[in-house]
């Protein structure tokens, strides 16, 4: 396979931050045991393997249109499990100070 060039990869992705995130995510998957999608991979270098996969168009990168904030995620979880709201309420409740006699 030809040498990896950043210009070639950037022409496919357009956003260097997206490229970094996609590469790191795929490298973690490879380290966790996922099989590489390219034939000439380096078993000791998962980042280079991930970049080769992106360069060879073996990886499709999907970008979500909607960003979910943590508090919105918690609200949807509470709707699914009402018992979770009670647990959160207990966690946020501060202990009261004892009165002196």
PDB file of N, CA and C in Angstrom:
ATOM      1  N   UNK A   1       0.850  -1.188   0.000  1.00  0.00           N
ATOM      2  CA  UNK A   1       0.000   0.000   0.000  1.00  0.00           C
ATOM      3  C   UNK A   1       0.889   1.241   0.000  1.00  0.00           C
ATOM      4  N   UNK A   2       0.379   2.300  -0.572  1.00  0.00           N
ATOM      5  CA  UNK A   2       1.149   3.540  -0.636  1.00  0.00           C
ATOM      6  C   UNK A   2       1.291   4.152   0.763  1.00  0.00           C
ATOM      7  N   UNK A   3       2.249   5.023   0.875  1.00  0.00           N
ATOM      8  CA  UNK A   3       2.504   5.676   2.160  1.00  0.00           C
ATOM      9  C   UNK A   3       1.325   6.569   2.539  1.00  0.00           C
ATOM     10  N   UNK A   4       1.089   6.660   3.836  1.00  0.00           N
ATOM     11  CA  UNK A   4       0.004   7.521   4.317  1.00  0.00           C
ATOM     12  C   UNK A   4       0.398   8.980   4.204  1.00  0.00           C
ATOM     13  N   UNK A   5      -0.500   9.769   3.641  1.00  0.00           N
ATOM     14  CA  UNK A   5      -0.281  11.206   3.556  1.00  0.00           C
ATOM     15  C   UNK A   5      -1.463  11.905   4.183  1.00  0.00           C
ATOM     16  N   UNK A   6      -1.184  12.860   5.012  1.00  0.00           N
ATOM     17  CA  UNK A   6      -2.232  13.594   5.712  1.00  0.00           C
ATOM     18  C   UNK A   6      -3.126  14.331   4.721  1.00  0.00           C
ATOM     19  N   UNK A   7      -2.556  14.837   3.640  1.00  0.00           N
ATOM     20  CA  UNK A   7      -3.346  15.561   2.635  1.00  0.00           C
ATOM     21  C   UNK A   7      -4.410  14.655   2.011  1.00  0.00           C
ATOM     22  N   UNK A   8      -4.034  13.413   1.733  1.00  0.00           N
ATOM     23  CA  UNK A   8      -5.000  12.472   1.147  1.00  0.00           C
ATOM     24  C   UNK A   8      -6.145  12.191   2.110  1.00  0.00           C
ATOM     25  N   UNK A   9      -5.803  12.003   3.366  1.00  0.00           N
ATOM     26  CA  UNK A   9      -6.831  11.696   4.360  1.00  0.00           C
ATOM     27  C   UNK A   9      -7.712  12.915   4.612  1.00  0.00           C
ATOM     28  N   UNK A  10      -7.107  14.096   4.669  1.00  0.00           N
ATOM     29  CA  UNK A  10      -7.886  15.314   4.921  1.00  0.00           C
ATOM     30  C   UNK A  10      -8.826  15.633   3.765  1.00  0.00           C
ATOM     31  N   UNK A  11      -8.509  15.193   2.565  1.00  0.00           N
ATOM     32  CA  UNK A  11      -9.421  15.419   1.446  1.00  0.00           C
ATOM     33  C   UNK A  11     -10.686  14.578   1.589  1.00  0.00           C
ATOM     34  N   UNK A  12     -10.625  13.516   2.365  1.00  0.00           N
ATOM     35  CA  UNK A  12     -11.788  12.660   2.580  1.00  0.00           C
ATOM     36  C   UNK A  12     -12.632  13.108   3.760  1.00  0.00           C
ATOM     37  N   UNK A  13     -12.002  13.733   4.757  1.00  0.00           N
ATOM     38  CA  UNK A  13     -12.728  14.040   5.992  1.00  0.00           C
ATOM     39  C   UNK A  13     -13.032  15.515   6.179  1.00  0.00           C
ATOM     40  N   UNK A  14     -12.187  16.399   5.755  1.00  0.00           N
ATOM     41  CA  UNK A  14     -12.390  17.850   5.782  1.00  0.00           C
ATOM     42  C   UNK A  14     -12.164  18.505   7.145  1.00  0.00           C
ATOM     43  N   UNK A  15     -12.245  17.759   8.216  1.00  0.00           N
ATOM     44  CA  UNK A  15     -12.153  18.352   9.541  1.00  0.00           C
ATOM     45  C   UNK A  15     -11.097  17.595  10.340  1.00  0.00           C
ATOM     46  N   UNK A  16     -10.033  18.272  10.736  1.00  0.00           N
ATOM     47  CA  UNK A  16      -8.931  17.581  11.412  1.00  0.00           C
ATOM     48  C   UNK A  16      -9.330  17.064  12.790  1.00  0.00           C
ATOM     49  N   UNK A  17     -10.252  17.745  13.461  1.00  0.00           N
ATOM     50  CA  UNK A  17     -10.690  17.284  14.769  1.00  0.00           C
ATOM     51  C   UNK A  17     -11.533  16.013  14.645  1.00  0.00           C
ATOM     52  N   UNK A  18     -12.352  15.955  13.621  1.00  0.00           N
ATOM     53  CA  UNK A  18     -13.139  14.756  13.355  1.00  0.00           C
ATOM     54  C   UNK A  18     -12.222  13.593  12.987  1.00  0.00           C
ATOM     55  N   UNK A  19     -11.181  13.883  12.237  1.00  0.00           N
ATOM     56  CA  UNK A  19     -10.209  12.852  11.870  1.00  0.00           C
ATOM     57  C   UNK A  19      -9.533  12.282  13.111  1.00  0.00           C
ATOM     58  N   UNK A  20      -9.136  13.148  14.018  1.00  0.00           N
ATOM     59  CA  UNK A  20      -8.477  12.688  15.246  1.00  0.00           C
ATOM     60  C   UNK A  20      -9.432  11.833  16.082  1.00  0.00           C
ATOM     61  N   UNK A  21     -10.659  12.300  16.248  1.00  0.00           N
ATOM     62  CA  UNK A  21     -11.622  11.532  17.044  1.00  0.00           C
ATOM     63  C   UNK A  21     -11.944  10.185  16.403  1.00  0.00           C
ATOM     64  N   UNK A  22     -12.123  10.169  15.101  1.00  0.00           N
ATOM     65  CA  UNK A  22     -12.421   8.917  14.413  1.00  0.00           C
ATOM     66  C   UNK A  22     -11.241   7.953  14.503  1.00  0.00           C
ATOM     67  N   UNK A  23     -10.043   8.471  14.370  1.00  0.00           N
ATOM     68  CA  UNK A  23      -8.843   7.633  14.439  1.00  0.00           C
ATOM     69  C   UNK A  23      -8.680   7.033  15.831  1.00  0.00           C
ATOM     70  N   UNK A  24      -8.838   7.846  16.843  1.00  0.00           N
ATOM     71  CA  UNK A  24      -8.679   7.364  18.215  1.00  0.00           C
ATOM     72  C   UNK A  24      -9.767   6.339  18.553  1.00  0.00           C
ATOM     73  N   UNK A  25     -10.994   6.608  18.152  1.00  0.00           N
ATOM     74  CA  UNK A  25     -12.078   5.674  18.430  1.00  0.00           C
ATOM     75  C   UNK A  25     -11.832   4.333  17.758  1.00  0.00           C
ATOM     76  N   UNK A  26     -11.423   4.364  16.504  1.00  0.00           N
ATOM     77  CA  UNK A  26     -11.153   3.110  15.784  1.00  0.00           C
ATOM     78  C   UNK A  26      -9.929   2.401  16.357  1.00  0.00           C
ATOM     79  N   UNK A  27      -8.901   3.149  16.748  1.00  0.00           N
ATOM     80  CA  UNK A  27      -7.705   2.539  17.342  1.00  0.00           C
ATOM     81  C   UNK A  27      -8.056   1.819  18.644  1.00  0.00           C
ATOM     82  N   UNK A  28      -8.936   2.412  19.444  1.00  0.00           N
ATOM     83  CA  UNK A  28      -9.381   1.759  20.682  1.00  0.00           C
ATOM     84  C   UNK A  28     -10.148   0.482  20.378  1.00  0.00           C
ATOM     85  N   UNK A  29     -10.967   0.506  19.324  1.00  0.00           N
ATOM     86  CA  UNK A  29     -11.697  -0.700  18.934  1.00  0.00           C
ATOM     87  C   UNK A  29     -10.733  -1.803  18.504  1.00  0.00           C
ATOM     88  N   UNK A  30      -9.704  -1.432  17.772  1.00  0.00           N
ATOM     89  CA  UNK A  30      -8.712  -2.417  17.324  1.00  0.00           C
ATOM     90  C   UNK A  30      -7.963  -2.998  18.525  1.00  0.00           C
ATOM     91  N   UNK A  31      -7.591  -2.145  19.468  1.00  0.00           N
ATOM     92  CA  UNK A  31      -6.913  -2.622  20.673  1.00  0.00           C
ATOM     93  C   UNK A  31      -7.810  -3.539  21.499  1.00  0.00           C
ATOM     94  N   UNK A  32      -9.119  -3.291  21.447  1.00  0.00           N
ATOM     95  CA  UNK A  32     -10.067  -4.115  22.201  1.00  0.00           C
ATOM     96  C   UNK A  32     -10.326  -5.460  21.527  1.00  0.00           C
ATOM     97  N   UNK A  33      -9.804  -5.648  20.302  1.00  0.00           N
ATOM     98  CA  UNK A  33      -9.940  -6.945  19.655  1.00  0.00           C
ATOM     99  C   UNK A  33     -10.663  -6.946  18.327  1.00  0.00           C
ATOM    100  N   UNK A  34     -11.102  -5.798  17.857  1.00  0.00           N
ATOM    101  CA  UNK A  34     -11.763  -5.729  16.557  1.00  0.00           C
ATOM    102  C   UNK A  34     -10.761  -6.033  15.449  1.00  0.00           C
ATOM    103  N   UNK A  35     -11.193  -6.766  14.459  1.00  0.00           N
ATOM    104  CA  UNK A  35     -10.304  -7.102  13.349  1.00  0.00           C
ATOM    105  C   UNK A  35     -10.129  -5.902  12.417  1.00  0.00           C
ATOM    106  N   UNK A  36      -8.911  -5.667  11.945  1.00  0.00           N
ATOM    107  CA  UNK A  36      -8.673  -4.563  11.011  1.00  0.00           C
ATOM    108  C   UNK A  36      -9.342  -4.804   9.665  1.00  0.00           C
ATOM    109  N   UNK A  37      -9.739  -3.743   8.999  1.00  0.00           N
ATOM    110  CA  UNK A  37     -10.412  -3.822   7.697  1.00  0.00           C
ATOM    111  C   UNK A  37      -9.445  -3.702   6.528  1.00  0.00           C
ATOM    112  N   UNK A  38      -8.147  -3.624   6.802  1.00  0.00           N
ATOM    113  CA  UNK A  38      -7.146  -3.564   5.739  1.00  0.00           C
ATOM    114  C   UNK A  38      -6.224  -4.772   5.870  1.00  0.00           C
ATOM    115  N   UNK A  39      -5.623  -5.165   4.759  1.00  0.00           N
ATOM    116  CA  UNK A  39      -4.766  -6.343   4.765  1.00  0.00           C
ATOM    117  C   UNK A  39      -3.374  -6.066   5.320  1.00  0.00           C
ATOM    118  N   UNK A  40      -2.832  -4.912   5.015  1.00  0.00           N
ATOM    119  CA  UNK A  40      -1.465  -4.609   5.454  1.00  0.00           C
ATOM    120  C   UNK A  40      -1.487  -3.765   6.726  1.00  0.00           C
ATOM    121  N   UNK A  41      -1.839  -4.377   7.837  1.00  0.00           N
ATOM    122  CA  UNK A  41      -1.909  -3.653   9.096  1.00  0.00           C
ATOM    123  C   UNK A  41      -0.717  -4.011   9.973  1.00  0.00           C
ATOM    124  N   UNK A  42      -0.418  -3.119  10.895  1.00  0.00           N
ATOM    125  CA  UNK A  42       0.662  -3.338  11.846  1.00  0.00           C
ATOM    126  C   UNK A  42       0.025  -3.720  13.185  1.00  0.00           C
ATOM    127  N   UNK A  43       0.238  -4.942  13.652  1.00  0.00           N
ATOM    128  CA  UNK A  43      -0.421  -5.363  14.894  1.00  0.00           C
ATOM    129  C   UNK A  43       0.048  -4.600  16.125  1.00  0.00           C
ATOM    130  N   UNK A  44       1.171  -3.924  16.033  1.00  0.00           N
ATOM    131  CA  UNK A  44       1.669  -3.181  17.192  1.00  0.00           C
ATOM    132  C   UNK A  44       1.282  -1.708  17.162  1.00  0.00           C
ATOM    133  N   UNK A  45       0.709  -1.232  16.051  1.00  0.00           N
ATOM    134  CA  UNK A  45       0.384   0.187  15.923  1.00  0.00           C
ATOM    135  C   UNK A  45      -1.060   0.349  15.453  1.00  0.00           C
ATOM    136  N   UNK A  46      -1.962   0.458  16.409  1.00  0.00           N
ATOM    137  CA  UNK A  46      -3.388   0.541  16.069  1.00  0.00           C
ATOM    138  C   UNK A  46      -3.757   1.889  15.444  1.00  0.00           C
ATOM    139  N   UNK A  47      -3.033   2.938  15.764  1.00  0.00           N
ATOM    140  CA  UNK A  47      -3.338   4.259  15.203  1.00  0.00           C
ATOM    141  C   UNK A  47      -3.040   4.286  13.707  1.00  0.00           C
ATOM    142  N   UNK A  48      -1.895   3.746  13.321  1.00  0.00           N
ATOM    143  CA  UNK A  48      -1.558   3.691  11.896  1.00  0.00           C
ATOM    144  C   UNK A  48      -2.551   2.807  11.145  1.00  0.00           C
ATOM    145  N   UNK A  49      -2.964   1.710  11.775  1.00  0.00           N
ATOM    146  CA  UNK A  49      -3.952   0.832  11.153  1.00  0.00           C
ATOM    147  C   UNK A  49      -5.271   1.575  10.953  1.00  0.00           C
ATOM    148  N   UNK A  50      -5.697   2.340  11.956  1.00  0.00           N
ATOM    149  CA  UNK A  50      -6.941   3.112  11.841  1.00  0.00           C
ATOM    150  C   UNK A  50      -6.832   4.154  10.733  1.00  0.00           C
ATOM    151  N   UNK A  51      -5.687   4.817  10.631  1.00  0.00           N
ATOM    152  CA  UNK A  51      -5.490   5.805   9.565  1.00  0.00           C
ATOM    153  C   UNK A  51      -5.494   5.139   8.185  1.00  0.00           C
ATOM    154  N   UNK A  52      -4.925   3.944   8.088  1.00  0.00           N
ATOM    155  CA  UNK A  52      -4.953   3.214   6.816  1.00  0.00           C
ATOM    156  C   UNK A  52      -6.383   2.846   6.431  1.00  0.00           C
ATOM    157  N   UNK A  53      -7.179   2.466   7.410  1.00  0.00           N
ATOM    158  CA  UNK A  53      -8.580   2.131   7.138  1.00  0.00           C
ATOM    159  C   UNK A  53      -9.349   3.350   6.641  1.00  0.00           C
ATOM    160  N   UNK A  54      -9.115   4.484   7.262  1.00  0.00           N
ATOM    161  CA  UNK A  54      -9.794   5.717   6.842  1.00  0.00           C
ATOM    162  C   UNK A  54      -9.329   6.116   5.451  1.00  0.00           C
ATOM    163  N   UNK A  55      -8.030   5.996   5.198  1.00  0.00           N
ATOM    164  CA  UNK A  55      -7.478   6.355   3.893  1.00  0.00           C
ATOM    165  C   UNK A  55      -8.018   5.445   2.783  1.00  0.00           C
ATOM    166  N   UNK A  56      -8.259   4.177   3.117  1.00  0.00           N
ATOM    167  CA  UNK A  56      -8.748   3.218   2.127  1.00  0.00           C
ATOM    168  C   UNK A  56     -10.277   3.231   2.013  1.00  0.00           C
ATOM    169  N   UNK A  57     -10.937   4.175   2.665  1.00  0.00           N
ATOM    170  CA  UNK A  57     -12.405   4.290   2.664  1.00  0.00           C
ATOM    171  C   UNK A  57     -13.093   3.042   3.217  1.00  0.00           C
ATOM    172  N   UNK A  58     -12.472   2.401   4.180  1.00  0.00           N
ATOM    173  CA  UNK A  58     -13.077   1.231   4.825  1.00  0.00           C
ATOM    174  C   UNK A  58     -13.910   1.634   6.038  1.00  0.00           C
ATOM    175  N   UNK A  59     -13.724   2.862   6.491  1.00  0.00           N
ATOM    176  CA  UNK A  59     -14.436   3.372   7.664  1.00  0.00           C
ATOM    177  C   UNK A  59     -15.342   4.505   7.215  1.00  0.00           C
ATOM    178  N   UNK A  60     -16.592   4.422   7.596  1.00  0.00           N
ATOM    179  CA  UNK A  60     -17.548   5.493   7.331  1.00  0.00           C
ATOM    180  C   UNK A  60     -17.750   6.273   8.626  1.00  0.00           C
ATOM    181  N   UNK A  61     -17.619   7.566   8.554  1.00  0.00           N
ATOM    182  CA  UNK A  61     -17.743   8.415   9.736  1.00  0.00           C
ATOM    183  C   UNK A  61     -19.093   9.111   9.688  1.00  0.00           C
ATOM    184  N   UNK A  62     -19.883   8.871  10.703  1.00  0.00           N
ATOM    185  CA  UNK A  62     -21.191   9.509  10.801  1.00  0.00           C
ATOM    186  C   UNK A  62     -21.122  10.593  11.868  1.00  0.00           C
ATOM    187  N   UNK A  63     -21.660  11.737  11.531  1.00  0.00           N
ATOM    188  CA  UNK A  63     -21.684  12.858  12.460  1.00  0.00           C
ATOM    189  C   UNK A  63     -23.124  13.092  12.864  1.00  0.00           C
ATOM    190  N   UNK A  64     -23.357  13.092  14.167  1.00  0.00           N
ATOM    191  CA  UNK A  64     -24.705  13.327  14.665  1.00  0.00           C
ATOM    192  C   UNK A  64     -25.114  14.772  14.464  1.00  0.00           C
ATOM    193  N   UNK A  65     -26.360  14.975  14.103  1.00  0.00           N
ATOM    194  CA  UNK A  65     -26.841  16.337  13.888  1.00  0.00           C
ATOM    195  C   UNK A  65     -27.264  16.988  15.196  1.00  0.00           C
ATOM    196  N   UNK A  66     -27.631  16.161  16.158  1.00  0.00           N
ATOM    197  CA  UNK A  66     -28.137  16.693  17.410  1.00  0.00           C
ATOM    198  C   UNK A  66     -27.159  16.366  18.537  1.00  0.00           C
ATOM    199  N   UNK A  67     -26.789  17.377  19.297  1.00  0.00           N
ATOM    200  CA  UNK A  67     -25.891  17.179  20.420  1.00  0.00           C
ATOM    201  C   UNK A  67     -26.744  17.073  21.676  1.00  0.00           C
ATOM    202  N   UNK A  68     -26.547  15.991  22.416  1.00  0.00           N
ATOM    203  CA  UNK A  68     -27.305  15.783  23.639  1.00  0.00           C
ATOM    204  C   UNK A  68     -26.443  16.202  24.819  1.00  0.00           C
ATOM    205  N   UNK A  69     -26.951  17.137  25.595  1.00  0.00           N
ATOM    206  CA  UNK A  69     -26.226  17.609  26.766  1.00  0.00           C
ATOM    207  C   UNK A  69     -26.471  16.649  27.929  1.00  0.00           C
ATOM    208  N   UNK A  70     -25.544  16.583  28.886  1.00  0.00           N
ATOM    209  CA  UNK A  70     -25.676  15.618  29.984  1.00  0.00           C
ATOM    210  C   UNK A  70     -26.977  15.733  30.770  1.00  0.00           C
ATOM    211  N   UNK A  71     -27.436  16.954  31.037  1.00  0.00           N
ATOM    212  CA  UNK A  71     -28.672  17.091  31.812  1.00  0.00           C
ATOM    213  C   UNK A  71     -29.883  16.625  31.000  1.00  0.00           C
ATOM    214  N   UNK A  72     -29.844  16.802  29.682  1.00  0.00           N
ATOM    215  CA  UNK A  72     -30.942  16.309  28.840  1.00  0.00           C
ATOM    216  C   UNK A  72     -30.940  14.784  28.813  1.00  0.00           C
ATOM    217  N   UNK A  73     -29.759  14.199  28.818  1.00  0.00           N
ATOM    218  CA  UNK A  73     -29.648  12.753  28.851  1.00  0.00           C
ATOM    219  C   UNK A  73     -30.229  12.214  30.150  1.00  0.00           C
ATOM    220  N   UNK A  74     -29.945  12.889  31.252  1.00  0.00           N
ATOM    221  CA  UNK A  74     -30.470  12.468  32.549  1.00  0.00           C
ATOM    222  C   UNK A  74     -31.990  12.563  32.572  1.00  0.00           C
ATOM    223  N   UNK A  75     -32.537  13.616  31.961  1.00  0.00           N
ATOM    224  CA  UNK A  75     -33.998  13.767  31.922  1.00  0.00           C
ATOM    225  C   UNK A  75     -34.654  12.629  31.149  1.00  0.00           C
ATOM    226  N   UNK A  76     -34.051  12.214  30.042  1.00  0.00           N
ATOM    227  CA  UNK A  76     -34.626  11.113  29.275  1.00  0.00           C
ATOM    228  C   UNK A  76     -34.516   9.800  30.043  1.00  0.00           C
ATOM    229  N   UNK A  77     -33.435   9.625  30.801  1.00  0.00           N
ATOM    230  CA  UNK A  77     -33.291   8.409  31.602  1.00  0.00           C
ATOM    231  C   UNK A  77     -34.327   8.379  32.726  1.00  0.00           C
ATOM    232  N   UNK A  78     -34.602   9.544  33.321  1.00  0.00           N
ATOM    233  CA  UNK A  78     -35.597   9.617  34.396  1.00  0.00           C
ATOM    234  C   UNK A  78     -36.983   9.275  33.851  1.00  0.00           C
ATOM    235  N   UNK A  79     -37.271   9.704  32.614  1.00  0.00           N
ATOM    236  CA  UNK A  79     -38.554   9.376  32.012  1.00  0.00           C
ATOM    237  C   UNK A  79     -38.685   7.863  31.797  1.00  0.00           C
ATOM    238  N   UNK A  80     -37.575   7.231  31.443  1.00  0.00           N
ATOM    239  CA  UNK A  80     -37.602   5.784  31.230  1.00  0.00           C
ATOM    240  C   UNK A  80     -37.712   5.020  32.545  1.00  0.00           C
ATOM    241  N   UNK A  81     -36.996   5.509  33.574  1.00  0.00           N
ATOM    242  CA  UNK A  81     -36.986   4.832  34.877  1.00  0.00           C
ATOM    243  C   UNK A  81     -37.329   5.829  35.973  1.00  0.00           C
ATOM    244  N   UNK A  82     -38.577   5.900  36.389  1.00  0.00           N
ATOM    245  CA  UNK A  82     -38.961   6.858  37.433  1.00  0.00           C
ATOM    246  C   UNK A  82     -38.220   6.639  38.755  1.00  0.00           C
ATOM    247  N   UNK A  83     -37.806   5.420  39.044  1.00  0.00           N
ATOM    248  CA  UNK A  83     -37.083   5.168  40.291  1.00  0.00           C
ATOM    249  C   UNK A  83     -35.750   5.899  40.319  1.00  0.00           C
ATOM    250  N   UNK A  84     -35.211   6.214  39.157  1.00  0.00           N
ATOM    251  CA  UNK A  84     -33.946   6.928  39.067  1.00  0.00           C
ATOM    252  C   UNK A  84     -34.089   8.342  39.623  1.00  0.00           C
ATOM    253  N   UNK A  85     -35.241   8.952  39.451  1.00  0.00           N
ATOM    254  CA  UNK A  85     -35.473  10.299  39.977  1.00  0.00           C
ATOM    255  C   UNK A  85     -35.395  10.299  41.499  1.00  0.00           C
ATOM    256  N   UNK A  86     -35.920   9.262  42.128  1.00  0.00           N
ATOM    257  CA  UNK A  86     -35.865   9.172  43.587  1.00  0.00           C
ATOM    258  C   UNK A  86     -34.421   9.004  44.056  1.00  0.00           C
ATOM    259  N   UNK A  87     -33.652   8.205  43.337  1.00  0.00           N
ATOM    260  CA  UNK A  87     -32.246   7.998  43.697  1.00  0.00           C
ATOM    261  C   UNK A  87     -31.472   9.302  43.598  1.00  0.00           C
ATOM    262  N   UNK A  88     -31.714  10.068  42.522  1.00  0.00           N
ATOM    263  CA  UNK A  88     -31.014  11.341  42.341  1.00  0.00           C
ATOM    264  C   UNK A  88     -31.408  12.344  43.417  1.00  0.00           C
ATOM    265  N   UNK A  89     -32.661  12.309  43.808  1.00  0.00           N
ATOM    266  CA  UNK A  89     -33.141  13.223  44.835  1.00  0.00           C
ATOM    267  C   UNK A  89     -32.440  12.926  46.161  1.00  0.00           C
ATOM    268  N   UNK A  90     -32.264  11.635  46.465  1.00  0.00           N
ATOM    269  CA  UNK A  90     -31.588  11.250  47.699  1.00  0.00           C
ATOM    270  C   UNK A  90     -30.133  11.691  47.684  1.00  0.00           C
ATOM    271  N   UNK A  91     -29.490  11.609  46.529  1.00  0.00           N
ATOM    272  CA  UNK A  91     -28.085  11.993  46.421  1.00  0.00           C
ATOM    273  C   UNK A  91     -27.899  13.489  46.626  1.00  0.00           C
ATOM    274  N   UNK A  92     -28.831  14.289  46.123  1.00  0.00           N
ATOM    275  CA  UNK A  92     -28.679  15.739  46.193  1.00  0.00           C
ATOM    276  C   UNK A  92     -29.155  16.319  47.515  1.00  0.00           C
ATOM    277  N   UNK A  93     -29.886  15.538  48.287  1.00  0.00           N
ATOM    278  CA  UNK A  93     -30.388  16.023  49.562  1.00  0.00           C
ATOM    279  C   UNK A  93     -29.225  16.143  50.542  1.00  0.00           C
ATOM    280  N   UNK A  94     -29.039  17.330  51.091  1.00  0.00           N
ATOM    281  CA  UNK A  94     -27.952  17.567  52.048  1.00  0.00           C
ATOM    282  C   UNK A  94     -28.406  17.155  53.452  1.00  0.00           C
ATOM    283  N   UNK A  95     -27.510  16.576  54.223  1.00  0.00           N
ATOM    284  CA  UNK A  95     -27.880  16.218  55.596  1.00  0.00           C
ATOM    285  C   UNK A  95     -28.096  17.469  56.442  1.00  0.00           C
ATOM    286  N   UNK A  96     -29.104  17.410  57.284  1.00  0.00           N
ATOM    287  CA  UNK A  96     -29.435  18.567  58.116  1.00  0.00           C
ATOM    288  C   UNK A  96     -28.549  18.594  59.367  1.00  0.00           C
ATOM    289  N   UNK A  97     -28.240  19.794  59.793  1.00  0.00           N
ATOM    290  CA  UNK A  97     -27.442  19.941  60.998  1.00  0.00           C
ATOM    291  C   UNK A  97     -28.303  19.652  62.223  1.00  0.00           C
ATOM    292  N   UNK A  98     -27.688  19.009  63.205  1.00  0.00           N
ATOM    293  CA  UNK A  98     -28.422  18.682  64.435  1.00  0.00           C
ATOM    294  C   UNK A  98     -28.559  19.917  65.298  1.00  0.00           C
ATOM    295  N   UNK A  99     -29.708  20.028  65.944  1.00  0.00           N
ATOM    296  CA  UNK A  99     -29.943  21.171  66.838  1.00  0.00           C
ATOM    297  C   UNK A  99     -29.278  20.920  68.171  1.00  0.00           C
ATOM    298  N   UNK A 100     -28.704  21.972  68.738  1.00  0.00           N
ATOM    299  CA  UNK A 100     -28.085  21.876  70.054  1.00  0.00           C
ATOM    300  C   UNK A 100     -29.148  22.077  71.115  1.00  0.00           C
ATOM    301  N   UNK A 101     -29.077  21.306  72.181  1.00  0.00           N
ATOM    302  CA  UNK A 101     -30.049  21.433  73.284  1.00  0.00           C
ATOM    303  C   UNK A 101     -29.493  22.244  74.408  1.00  0.00           C
TER     304      UNK A 101
END
